[in-house]
């Protein structure tokens, strides 16, 4: 199964945000290259909110290009077999934490937003940090920091807040 086929299957199983989900599926039907940054009409991306439920906190990155506190994530790569693989790879690369595992049940949310490289059709997961996880900043970040759940609305935009709310509901 190709990454494109996996994305379509994952999205068709996702029950929330039906209008946005259907727009993603329609986009992929119309664009065989819709998984890749080169797709001028927008492309599917994968992200993961890194959560430490033992300490009621999340790890956010101050994104170098966007200059915003965000979850880990980005573009799919040819080596990614599934959207979940892409989200986990991005979370691991950007957090420096080994041993992350995705929360069961598939994506937590969808979010469509414009970026300097075009429209991102982001499929958002949650990744659980192992006990005692130690983060390490990557070159894609200006900063990397743990925030208590209650602090997130003060420093992040509404898309991150909604992702955190949906993640906490799933936990």
Protein backbone atom coordinates (compact mmCIF):
# COMPACT_ATOMS: atom_id res chain seq x y z
CA UNK A 1 0.00 0.00 0.00
CA UNK A 2 1.37 3.43 -0.89
CA UNK A 3 1.53 6.36 1.51
CA UNK A 4 -1.19 8.03 -0.58
CA UNK A 5 -3.44 4.95 -0.21
CA UNK A 6 -2.75 4.80 3.53
CA UNK A 7 -3.69 8.47 3.92
CA UNK A 8 -6.98 7.94 2.10
CA UNK A 9 -7.77 4.90 4.26
CA UNK A 10 -6.87 6.70 7.50
CA UNK A 11 -8.98 9.71 6.56
CA UNK A 12 -11.98 7.61 5.55
CA UNK A 13 -11.87 5.95 9.02
CA UNK A 14 -11.63 9.31 10.81
CA UNK A 15 -15.12 10.14 12.15
CA UNK A 16 -14.71 13.73 13.32
CA UNK A 17 -14.54 16.96 11.33
CA UNK A 18 -16.39 15.32 8.44
CA UNK A 19 -16.46 18.32 6.12
CA UNK A 20 -12.73 18.90 6.44
CA UNK A 21 -12.03 15.15 6.25
CA UNK A 22 -14.03 14.94 3.01
CA UNK A 23 -12.08 17.90 1.61
CA UNK A 24 -8.81 16.07 2.34
CA UNK A 25 -10.08 12.88 0.66
CA UNK A 26 -11.31 14.88 -2.35
CA UNK A 27 -7.95 16.62 -2.58
CA UNK A 28 -6.10 13.30 -2.61
CA UNK A 29 -8.50 11.92 -5.23
CA UNK A 30 -7.78 14.89 -7.48
CA UNK A 31 -4.03 15.01 -6.78
CA UNK A 32 -1.99 11.79 -6.96
CA UNK A 33 0.95 13.96 -5.77
CA UNK A 34 -1.07 15.38 -2.86
CA UNK A 35 1.22 13.84 -0.25
CA UNK A 36 4.25 15.82 -1.39
CA UNK A 37 5.46 19.37 -0.89
CA UNK A 38 5.72 19.71 -4.67
CA UNK A 39 1.92 19.63 -5.04
CA UNK A 40 1.06 23.23 -5.80
CA UNK A 41 -2.55 22.88 -4.68
CA UNK A 42 -1.53 21.89 -1.14
CA UNK A 43 -0.21 18.73 0.47
CA UNK A 44 -0.90 16.41 3.37
CA UNK A 45 1.41 16.78 6.35
CA UNK A 46 1.67 14.80 9.57
CA UNK A 47 2.21 16.09 13.09
CA UNK A 48 2.12 14.90 16.68
CA UNK A 49 1.57 16.66 19.97
CA UNK A 50 4.12 15.19 22.40
CA UNK A 51 2.37 14.63 25.73
CA UNK A 52 3.67 13.68 29.17
CA UNK A 53 0.43 12.68 30.93
CA UNK A 54 2.30 11.79 34.14
CA UNK A 55 3.15 15.48 34.59
CA UNK A 56 0.18 17.08 32.74
CA UNK A 57 2.40 18.76 30.18
CA UNK A 58 3.16 18.96 26.47
CA UNK A 59 6.35 19.60 24.55
CA UNK A 60 6.14 22.42 22.01
CA UNK A 61 8.65 23.76 19.54
CA UNK A 62 9.20 27.41 18.73
CA UNK A 63 9.24 26.81 14.99
CA UNK A 64 12.17 28.46 13.24
CA UNK A 65 10.24 29.56 10.13
CA UNK A 66 6.77 30.16 11.61
CA UNK A 67 8.00 31.78 14.85
CA UNK A 68 5.13 30.17 16.75
CA UNK A 69 4.86 27.53 19.48
CA UNK A 70 3.62 24.42 17.68
CA UNK A 71 3.43 20.64 17.94
CA UNK A 72 6.11 18.63 16.13
CA UNK A 73 5.38 17.89 12.51
CA UNK A 74 6.01 18.45 8.87
CA UNK A 75 6.21 17.03 5.40
CA UNK A 76 5.87 13.39 4.51
CA UNK A 77 8.97 11.75 3.06
CA UNK A 78 9.32 8.94 0.51
CA UNK A 79 10.48 6.53 3.25
CA UNK A 80 7.29 6.99 5.28
CA UNK A 81 5.06 3.93 4.86
CA UNK A 82 2.07 5.43 6.70
CA UNK A 83 0.82 8.77 7.97
CA UNK A 84 1.35 7.49 11.49
CA UNK A 85 4.98 6.67 10.62
CA UNK A 86 5.45 10.20 9.28
CA UNK A 87 3.97 11.78 12.42
CA UNK A 88 6.09 9.62 14.71
CA UNK A 89 9.25 10.30 12.68
CA UNK A 90 8.65 14.05 12.79
CA UNK A 91 7.94 13.99 16.53
CA UNK A 92 11.08 11.97 17.23
CA UNK A 93 13.31 14.12 14.99
CA UNK A 94 12.06 17.44 16.34
CA UNK A 95 11.85 16.45 20.02
CA UNK A 96 14.97 14.31 20.23
CA UNK A 97 12.98 11.87 22.38
CA UNK A 98 13.34 8.17 21.64
CA UNK A 99 10.60 5.78 22.62
CA UNK A 100 7.62 7.97 21.72
CA UNK A 101 4.47 6.04 20.91
CA UNK A 102 1.34 7.30 19.22
CA UNK A 103 -1.90 7.40 21.15
CA UNK A 104 -4.21 4.64 19.93
CA UNK A 105 -7.19 5.40 17.76
CA UNK A 106 -5.56 7.19 14.85
CA UNK A 107 -5.46 10.93 14.24
CA UNK A 108 -6.72 13.25 16.95
CA UNK A 109 -7.59 16.22 14.70
CA UNK A 110 -7.25 17.70 11.23
CA UNK A 111 -6.11 21.25 10.56
CA UNK A 112 -5.81 23.03 7.20
CA UNK A 113 -3.57 26.10 7.24
CA UNK A 114 -1.49 28.18 4.89
CA UNK A 115 2.30 28.22 5.23
CA UNK A 116 5.14 29.77 3.23
CA UNK A 117 5.31 26.56 1.14
CA UNK A 118 1.55 26.42 0.46
CA UNK A 119 -1.48 24.84 2.07
CA UNK A 120 -0.86 22.14 4.65
CA UNK A 121 -3.59 19.58 5.13
CA UNK A 122 -2.28 18.46 8.49
CA UNK A 123 -3.24 15.14 10.04
CA UNK A 124 -2.57 15.53 13.76
CA UNK A 125 -1.72 12.70 16.14
CA UNK A 126 -0.70 12.62 19.80
CA UNK A 127 2.54 10.98 20.93
CA UNK A 128 3.07 9.79 24.48
CA UNK A 129 6.50 10.50 25.95
CA UNK A 130 8.12 7.72 27.94
CA UNK A 131 8.69 8.25 31.64
CA UNK A 132 11.77 10.41 32.24
CA UNK A 133 11.94 11.58 28.62
CA UNK A 134 14.71 14.05 27.85
CA UNK A 135 14.20 16.37 24.90
CA UNK A 136 16.88 17.68 22.55
CA UNK A 137 16.38 20.68 20.29
CA UNK A 138 16.69 20.21 16.52
CA UNK A 139 17.85 22.69 13.90
CA UNK A 140 14.20 23.26 12.91
CA UNK A 141 13.49 24.93 16.25
CA UNK A 142 14.42 28.17 17.94
CA UNK A 143 13.39 26.67 21.29
CA UNK A 144 11.88 23.49 22.68
CA UNK A 145 10.01 23.56 25.96
CA UNK A 146 7.56 21.66 28.17
CA UNK A 147 4.38 23.53 29.07
CA UNK A 148 1.70 22.61 31.59
CA UNK A 149 -1.70 22.02 30.01
CA UNK A 150 -3.03 25.27 31.53
CA UNK A 151 -0.20 27.36 30.04
CA UNK A 152 -0.79 26.34 26.42
CA UNK A 153 -3.62 28.84 25.70
CA UNK A 154 -1.33 31.67 26.84
CA UNK A 155 1.51 30.89 24.40
CA UNK A 156 0.02 28.95 21.47
CA UNK A 157 -2.66 29.67 18.88
CA UNK A 158 -6.13 28.14 18.87
CA UNK A 159 -5.15 25.24 16.60
CA UNK A 160 -2.67 23.93 19.19
CA UNK A 161 -5.19 24.54 21.99
CA UNK A 162 -7.84 22.53 20.10
CA UNK A 163 -5.33 19.73 19.49
CA UNK A 164 -4.49 19.65 23.20
CA UNK A 165 -8.19 19.58 24.14
CA UNK A 166 -8.89 16.71 21.74
CA UNK A 167 -5.82 14.84 23.01
CA UNK A 168 -6.82 15.24 26.64
CA UNK A 169 -10.33 14.01 25.83
CA UNK A 170 -8.78 10.92 24.25
CA UNK A 171 -6.46 10.30 27.22
